[in-house]
Amino acid sequence: MADVEYATSSYKTPLHHRIIASMPVQASWVDAASGETISVEGMTENVGENSTLVNLETLPPVGSEVRLKIMGEKRPIIEVSTQVIRVERDPSKPMAALSVLENLKKWKNVAMTAAQAWVTRHWQLNYEEEWVN
């Protein structure tokens, strides 16, 4: 009977929303074993108010600090320090969940706005002509 409560209006929506957007990123971190800086490129899966999920070929270890740049056309949109809170080691789609450690207000304004702009562009490019009468 407890499951019924989740289907009613008493179920609360999550406090943080995410925008599904595939924006290019550059991530870098220092490997604890070798001391070398590892830099990889990838794509965002989603962008949240204080975190993001990114698809990277090489995954950083959970707990490590990662410098993340979300890239625009030719330059970074925003660069922040993040911490890895979870990894998904699926060989076809390795992903890391990153929690933003600094500049949260700027992240919300810049990264969320960029993600929303990506969604709008994607919608216009792929669906606008199909919906015209």
Protein backbone atom coordinates (compact mmCIF):
# COMPACT_ATOMS: atom_id res chain seq x y z
CA MET A 1 0.00 0.00 0.00
CA ALA A 2 2.97 2.32 0.50
CA ASP A 3 3.54 2.41 -3.28
CA VAL A 4 0.16 4.07 -3.81
CA GLU A 5 1.39 7.24 -2.11
CA TYR A 6 4.00 7.77 -4.85
CA ALA A 7 1.28 7.76 -7.50
CA THR A 8 -0.79 10.47 -5.82
CA SER A 9 -0.40 14.20 -5.75
CA SER A 10 1.47 13.90 -2.44
CA TYR A 11 4.58 12.83 -4.41
CA LYS A 12 7.01 15.72 -4.44
CA THR A 13 9.01 16.60 -7.51
CA PRO A 14 12.81 16.66 -7.23
CA LEU A 15 14.31 19.85 -5.87
CA HIS A 16 16.80 20.14 -8.73
CA HIS A 17 15.96 19.92 -12.38
CA ARG A 18 18.20 18.75 -15.18
CA ILE A 19 18.34 19.64 -18.83
CA ILE A 20 19.10 16.86 -21.30
CA ALA A 21 21.75 18.37 -23.57
CA SER A 22 24.77 16.98 -25.45
CA MET A 23 27.38 19.70 -25.22
CA PRO A 24 31.12 19.10 -25.73
CA VAL A 25 33.30 19.11 -22.62
CA GLN A 26 36.96 18.88 -21.71
CA ALA A 27 37.82 17.24 -18.39
CA SER A 28 41.19 17.02 -16.68
CA TRP A 29 42.44 15.58 -13.40
CA VAL A 30 45.65 14.41 -11.78
CA ASP A 31 46.13 10.65 -11.64
CA ALA A 32 46.84 9.71 -8.02
CA ALA A 33 49.14 6.82 -8.90
CA SER A 34 51.36 8.43 -11.53
CA GLY A 35 50.91 12.13 -10.77
CA GLU A 36 50.23 12.78 -14.47
CA THR A 37 47.49 15.12 -15.63
CA ILE A 38 44.88 13.28 -17.67
CA SER A 39 42.83 15.29 -20.17
CA VAL A 40 39.89 13.86 -22.08
CA GLU A 41 37.06 15.18 -24.21
CA GLY A 42 33.47 14.08 -23.97
CA MET A 43 29.83 15.15 -24.04
CA THR A 44 27.30 16.07 -21.40
CA GLU A 45 24.33 13.76 -20.94
CA ASN A 46 22.51 16.26 -18.76
CA VAL A 47 23.21 19.50 -16.94
CA GLY A 48 21.75 20.11 -13.49
CA GLU A 49 21.67 23.06 -11.14
CA ASN A 50 24.72 21.85 -9.21
CA SER A 51 25.95 18.82 -11.16
CA THR A 52 26.31 17.25 -14.58
CA LEU A 53 26.54 13.77 -16.06
CA VAL A 54 29.25 13.46 -18.70
CA ASN A 55 30.24 10.75 -21.15
CA LEU A 56 34.04 10.31 -21.11
CA GLU A 57 36.24 7.66 -22.73
CA THR A 58 38.49 7.51 -19.65
CA LEU A 59 36.76 7.76 -16.28
CA PRO A 60 38.28 9.53 -13.29
CA PRO A 61 38.14 7.74 -9.92
CA VAL A 62 35.21 8.44 -7.60
CA GLY A 63 36.09 11.24 -5.18
CA SER A 64 38.69 12.84 -7.42
CA GLU A 65 38.64 16.51 -8.34
CA VAL A 66 38.07 17.20 -12.03
CA ARG A 67 38.50 20.51 -13.85
CA LEU A 68 35.56 20.68 -16.28
CA LYS A 69 35.11 22.99 -19.26
CA ILE A 70 31.85 23.11 -21.17
CA MET A 71 32.80 24.16 -24.67
CA GLY A 72 30.99 26.50 -27.03
CA GLU A 73 31.67 26.99 -30.72
CA LYS A 74 35.34 27.96 -30.35
CA ARG A 75 35.92 28.70 -26.67
CA PRO A 76 34.87 27.47 -23.23
CA ILE A 77 31.43 28.59 -22.01
CA ILE A 78 32.33 27.91 -18.39
CA GLU A 79 35.15 26.24 -16.46
CA VAL A 80 34.61 24.90 -12.94
CA SER A 81 36.11 22.57 -10.39
CA THR A 82 34.01 19.45 -9.83
CA GLN A 83 34.16 16.23 -7.82
CA VAL A 84 33.31 12.78 -9.14
CA ILE A 85 30.36 11.42 -7.15
CA ARG A 86 29.57 8.35 -9.28
CA VAL A 87 30.83 6.51 -12.36
CA GLU A 88 29.08 4.12 -14.72
CA ARG A 89 31.56 1.74 -16.30
CA ASP A 90 29.36 0.61 -19.18
CA PRO A 91 31.86 -0.10 -22.01
CA SER A 92 29.47 1.31 -24.61
CA LYS A 93 28.83 4.52 -22.68
CA PRO A 94 31.18 5.24 -19.74
CA MET A 95 29.86 8.16 -17.69
CA ALA A 96 30.84 10.19 -14.65
CA ALA A 97 28.50 12.19 -12.42
CA LEU A 98 30.23 15.41 -11.38
CA SER A 99 29.20 17.71 -8.54
CA VAL A 100 30.14 21.37 -9.01
CA LEU A 101 32.39 22.61 -6.17
CA GLU A 102 32.67 26.31 -6.95
CA ASN A 103 30.80 29.19 -8.58
CA LEU A 104 27.38 27.55 -8.19
CA LYS A 105 25.51 30.76 -8.97
CA LYS A 106 27.55 31.26 -12.15
CA TRP A 107 27.08 27.57 -13.03
CA LYS A 108 23.30 27.89 -12.71
CA ASN A 109 23.23 31.02 -14.84
CA VAL A 110 25.77 30.10 -17.51
CA ALA A 111 25.67 26.30 -17.82
CA MET A 112 21.89 25.95 -17.45
CA THR A 113 21.32 28.77 -19.96
CA ALA A 114 23.75 27.15 -22.43
CA ALA A 115 22.02 23.78 -22.01
CA GLN A 116 18.61 25.34 -22.59
CA ALA A 117 19.96 27.11 -25.70
CA TRP A 118 21.31 23.75 -26.95
CA VAL A 119 17.86 22.17 -26.49
CA THR A 120 16.20 25.03 -28.34
CA ARG A 121 18.68 24.81 -31.25
CA HIS A 122 18.35 21.02 -31.39
CA TRP A 123 14.57 21.24 -31.44
CA GLN A 124 14.59 23.88 -34.15
CA LEU A 125 17.05 21.98 -36.33
CA ASN A 126 15.39 18.59 -36.01
CA TYR A 127 11.70 19.12 -35.46
CA GLU A 128 10.55 22.57 -36.51
CA GLU A 129 10.02 21.68 -40.18
CA GLU A 130 8.07 18.51 -39.31
CA TRP A 131 5.51 20.45 -37.25
CA VAL A 132 4.75 23.15 -39.81
CA ASN A 133 1.37 22.64 -41.52
